[in-house]
Amino acid sequence: MTTESQEIWNSSKDRLVRNIVNLGFPEEFGYEIAKGLGAPKAMDRMRSYLLQARPQDPETIVDEMLAIRAEIDAWRYKKRSEEANAKYNELLRYGFDGPEDE
């Protein structure tokens, strides 16, 4: 991970933890939620949810974290499947030699 991407990750993590603490939950809980989400965009999405919903119990926050993770995982699976399908279709169309250069 580059220094810039590490800074982005840390900044997103810090903002998320601050939001969770402001809702009255322990800082350690915020760190675990950030760790579970993993990516800055996912953390920013969770922050948006927290600001809008203002959940009162940790189970609701964990449920939302798991829902965000599930959507991310489904999106990644879909992208991998699309790439594999494209390669398979290319194989069917051109065979093992690939497209001929013109």
C-alpha atoms as a PDB file:
ATOM      1  CA  MET A   1       0.000   0.000   0.000  1.00  0.00           C
ATOM      2  CA  THR A   2       1.384   3.397  -0.943  1.00  0.00           C
ATOM      3  CA  THR A   3       1.818   6.185   1.555  1.00  0.00           C
ATOM      4  CA  GLU A   4      -0.989   8.179  -0.078  1.00  0.00           C
ATOM      5  CA  SER A   5      -3.458   5.285   0.011  1.00  0.00           C
ATOM      6  CA  GLN A   6      -2.484   4.579   3.635  1.00  0.00           C
ATOM      7  CA  GLU A   7      -3.217   8.216   4.485  1.00  0.00           C
ATOM      8  CA  ILE A   8      -6.617   8.002   2.767  1.00  0.00           C
ATOM      9  CA  TRP A   9      -7.404   4.781   4.645  1.00  0.00           C
ATOM     10  CA  ASN A  10      -6.350   6.289   7.983  1.00  0.00           C
ATOM     11  CA  SER A  11      -8.342   9.453   7.356  1.00  0.00           C
ATOM     12  CA  SER A  12     -11.509   7.490   6.510  1.00  0.00           C
ATOM     13  CA  LYS A  13     -10.961   5.247   9.526  1.00  0.00           C
ATOM     14  CA  ASP A  14     -10.487   8.211  11.864  1.00  0.00           C
ATOM     15  CA  ARG A  15     -13.653   9.939  10.614  1.00  0.00           C
ATOM     16  CA  LEU A  16     -15.673   6.733  10.993  1.00  0.00           C
ATOM     17  CA  VAL A  17     -14.366   6.081  14.506  1.00  0.00           C
ATOM     18  CA  ARG A  18     -15.139   9.679  15.464  1.00  0.00           C
ATOM     19  CA  ASN A  19     -18.731   9.277  14.206  1.00  0.00           C
ATOM     20  CA  ILE A  20     -19.179   6.057  16.152  1.00  0.00           C
ATOM     21  CA  VAL A  21     -17.764   7.612  19.331  1.00  0.00           C
ATOM     22  CA  ASN A  22     -20.067  10.626  18.870  1.00  0.00           C
ATOM     23  CA  LEU A  23     -23.005   8.197  18.877  1.00  0.00           C
ATOM     24  CA  GLY A  24     -21.873   6.996  22.301  1.00  0.00           C
ATOM     25  CA  PHE A  25     -20.057   3.786  21.396  1.00  0.00           C
ATOM     26  CA  PRO A  26     -16.519   2.830  22.447  1.00  0.00           C
ATOM     27  CA  GLU A  27     -13.600   3.826  20.251  1.00  0.00           C
ATOM     28  CA  GLU A  28     -12.506   0.167  20.014  1.00  0.00           C
ATOM     29  CA  PHE A  29     -15.897  -0.680  18.496  1.00  0.00           C
ATOM     30  CA  GLY A  30     -15.272   1.944  15.829  1.00  0.00           C
ATOM     31  CA  TYR A  31     -11.882   0.439  15.016  1.00  0.00           C
ATOM     32  CA  GLU A  32     -13.432  -3.007  14.620  1.00  0.00           C
ATOM     33  CA  ILE A  33     -16.151  -1.661  12.313  1.00  0.00           C
ATOM     34  CA  ALA A  34     -13.504   0.105  10.207  1.00  0.00           C
ATOM     35  CA  LYS A  35     -11.430  -3.073  10.077  1.00  0.00           C
ATOM     36  CA  GLY A  36     -14.497  -5.079   9.028  1.00  0.00           C
ATOM     37  CA  LEU A  37     -15.306  -2.651   6.226  1.00  0.00           C
ATOM     38  CA  GLY A  38     -11.729  -2.517   5.008  1.00  0.00           C
ATOM     39  CA  ALA A  39     -11.922   0.147   2.294  1.00  0.00           C
ATOM     40  CA  PRO A  40     -12.214   3.931   2.523  1.00  0.00           C
ATOM     41  CA  LYS A  41     -15.291   4.042   0.289  1.00  0.00           C
ATOM     42  CA  ALA A  42     -17.028   1.461   2.458  1.00  0.00           C
ATOM     43  CA  MET A  43     -16.119   3.443   5.587  1.00  0.00           C
ATOM     44  CA  ASP A  44     -17.452   6.638   4.013  1.00  0.00           C
ATOM     45  CA  ARG A  45     -20.651   4.824   3.112  1.00  0.00           C
ATOM     46  CA  MET A  46     -20.991   3.650   6.718  1.00  0.00           C
ATOM     47  CA  ARG A  47     -20.415   7.209   7.942  1.00  0.00           C
ATOM     48  CA  SER A  48     -23.220   8.419   5.721  1.00  0.00           C
ATOM     49  CA  TYR A  49     -25.504   5.746   7.152  1.00  0.00           C
ATOM     50  CA  LEU A  50     -24.540   6.664  10.729  1.00  0.00           C
ATOM     51  CA  LEU A  51     -25.216  10.353  10.143  1.00  0.00           C
ATOM     52  CA  GLN A  52     -28.637   9.645   8.617  1.00  0.00           C
ATOM     53  CA  ALA A  53     -29.903   6.757  10.753  1.00  0.00           C
ATOM     54  CA  ARG A  54     -28.189   7.570  14.071  1.00  0.00           C
ATOM     55  CA  PRO A  55     -28.550   3.973  15.319  1.00  0.00           C
ATOM     56  CA  GLN A  56     -28.884   3.446  19.048  1.00  0.00           C
ATOM     57  CA  ASP A  57     -27.533  -0.088  19.405  1.00  0.00           C
ATOM     58  CA  PRO A  58     -24.314  -1.758  18.235  1.00  0.00           C
ATOM     59  CA  GLU A  59     -26.184  -4.632  16.558  1.00  0.00           C
ATOM     60  CA  THR A  60     -27.712  -2.219  14.059  1.00  0.00           C
ATOM     61  CA  ILE A  61     -24.274  -0.851  13.188  1.00  0.00           C
ATOM     62  CA  VAL A  62     -22.841  -4.341  12.782  1.00  0.00           C
ATOM     63  CA  ASP A  63     -25.809  -5.344  10.594  1.00  0.00           C
ATOM     64  CA  GLU A  64     -25.179  -2.363   8.318  1.00  0.00           C
ATOM     65  CA  MET A  65     -21.448  -3.151   8.189  1.00  0.00           C
ATOM     66  CA  LEU A  66     -22.252  -6.708   7.131  1.00  0.00           C
ATOM     67  CA  ALA A  67     -24.733  -5.470   4.520  1.00  0.00           C
ATOM     68  CA  ILE A  68     -22.135  -3.119   3.042  1.00  0.00           C
ATOM     69  CA  ARG A  69     -19.547  -5.933   2.996  1.00  0.00           C
ATOM     70  CA  ALA A  70     -22.031  -8.286   1.325  1.00  0.00           C
ATOM     71  CA  GLU A  71     -22.750  -5.745  -1.425  1.00  0.00           C
ATOM     72  CA  ILE A  72     -19.043  -5.156  -2.011  1.00  0.00           C
ATOM     73  CA  ASP A  73     -18.352  -8.889  -2.144  1.00  0.00           C
ATOM     74  CA  ALA A  74     -21.271  -9.423  -4.559  1.00  0.00           C
ATOM     75  CA  TRP A  75     -19.994  -6.612  -6.793  1.00  0.00           C
ATOM     76  CA  ARG A  76     -16.473  -8.084  -6.842  1.00  0.00           C
ATOM     77  CA  TYR A  77     -17.863 -11.546  -7.647  1.00  0.00           C
ATOM     78  CA  LYS A  78     -19.926 -10.076 -10.482  1.00  0.00           C
ATOM     79  CA  LYS A  79     -16.894  -8.273 -11.936  1.00  0.00           C
ATOM     80  CA  ARG A  80     -14.759 -11.436 -11.770  1.00  0.00           C
ATOM     81  CA  SER A  81     -17.540 -13.414 -13.435  1.00  0.00           C
ATOM     82  CA  GLU A  82     -17.878 -10.828 -16.205  1.00  0.00           C
ATOM     83  CA  GLU A  83     -14.117 -10.905 -16.838  1.00  0.00           C
ATOM     84  CA  ALA A  84     -14.071 -14.692 -16.925  1.00  0.00           C
ATOM     85  CA  ASN A  85     -17.065 -14.753 -19.262  1.00  0.00           C
ATOM     86  CA  ALA A  86     -15.389 -12.257 -21.605  1.00  0.00           C
ATOM     87  CA  LYS A  87     -12.243 -14.395 -21.740  1.00  0.00           C
ATOM     88  CA  TYR A  88     -14.294 -17.523 -22.331  1.00  0.00           C
ATOM     89  CA  ASN A  89     -16.186 -15.847 -25.177  1.00  0.00           C
ATOM     90  CA  GLU A  90     -12.892 -14.711 -26.693  1.00  0.00           C
ATOM     91  CA  LEU A  91     -11.616 -18.284 -26.481  1.00  0.00           C
ATOM     92  CA  LEU A  92     -14.752 -19.557 -28.218  1.00  0.00           C
ATOM     93  CA  ARG A  93     -14.489 -16.912 -30.918  1.00  0.00           C
ATOM     94  CA  TYR A  94     -10.756 -17.060 -31.626  1.00  0.00           C
ATOM     95  CA  GLY A  95      -9.588 -20.360 -30.181  1.00  0.00           C
ATOM     96  CA  PHE A  96      -6.382 -20.794 -28.224  1.00  0.00           C
ATOM     97  CA  ASP A  97      -4.318 -18.702 -30.644  1.00  0.00           C
ATOM     98  CA  GLY A  98      -6.268 -15.509 -29.912  1.00  0.00           C
ATOM     99  CA  PRO A  99      -7.249 -12.870 -32.472  1.00  0.00           C
ATOM    100  CA  GLU A 100      -4.953 -12.572 -35.444  1.00  0.00           C
ATOM    101  CA  ASP A 101      -3.080  -9.299 -35.811  1.00  0.00           C
ATOM    102  CA  GLU A 102      -3.965  -7.469 -38.956  1.00  0.00           C
END
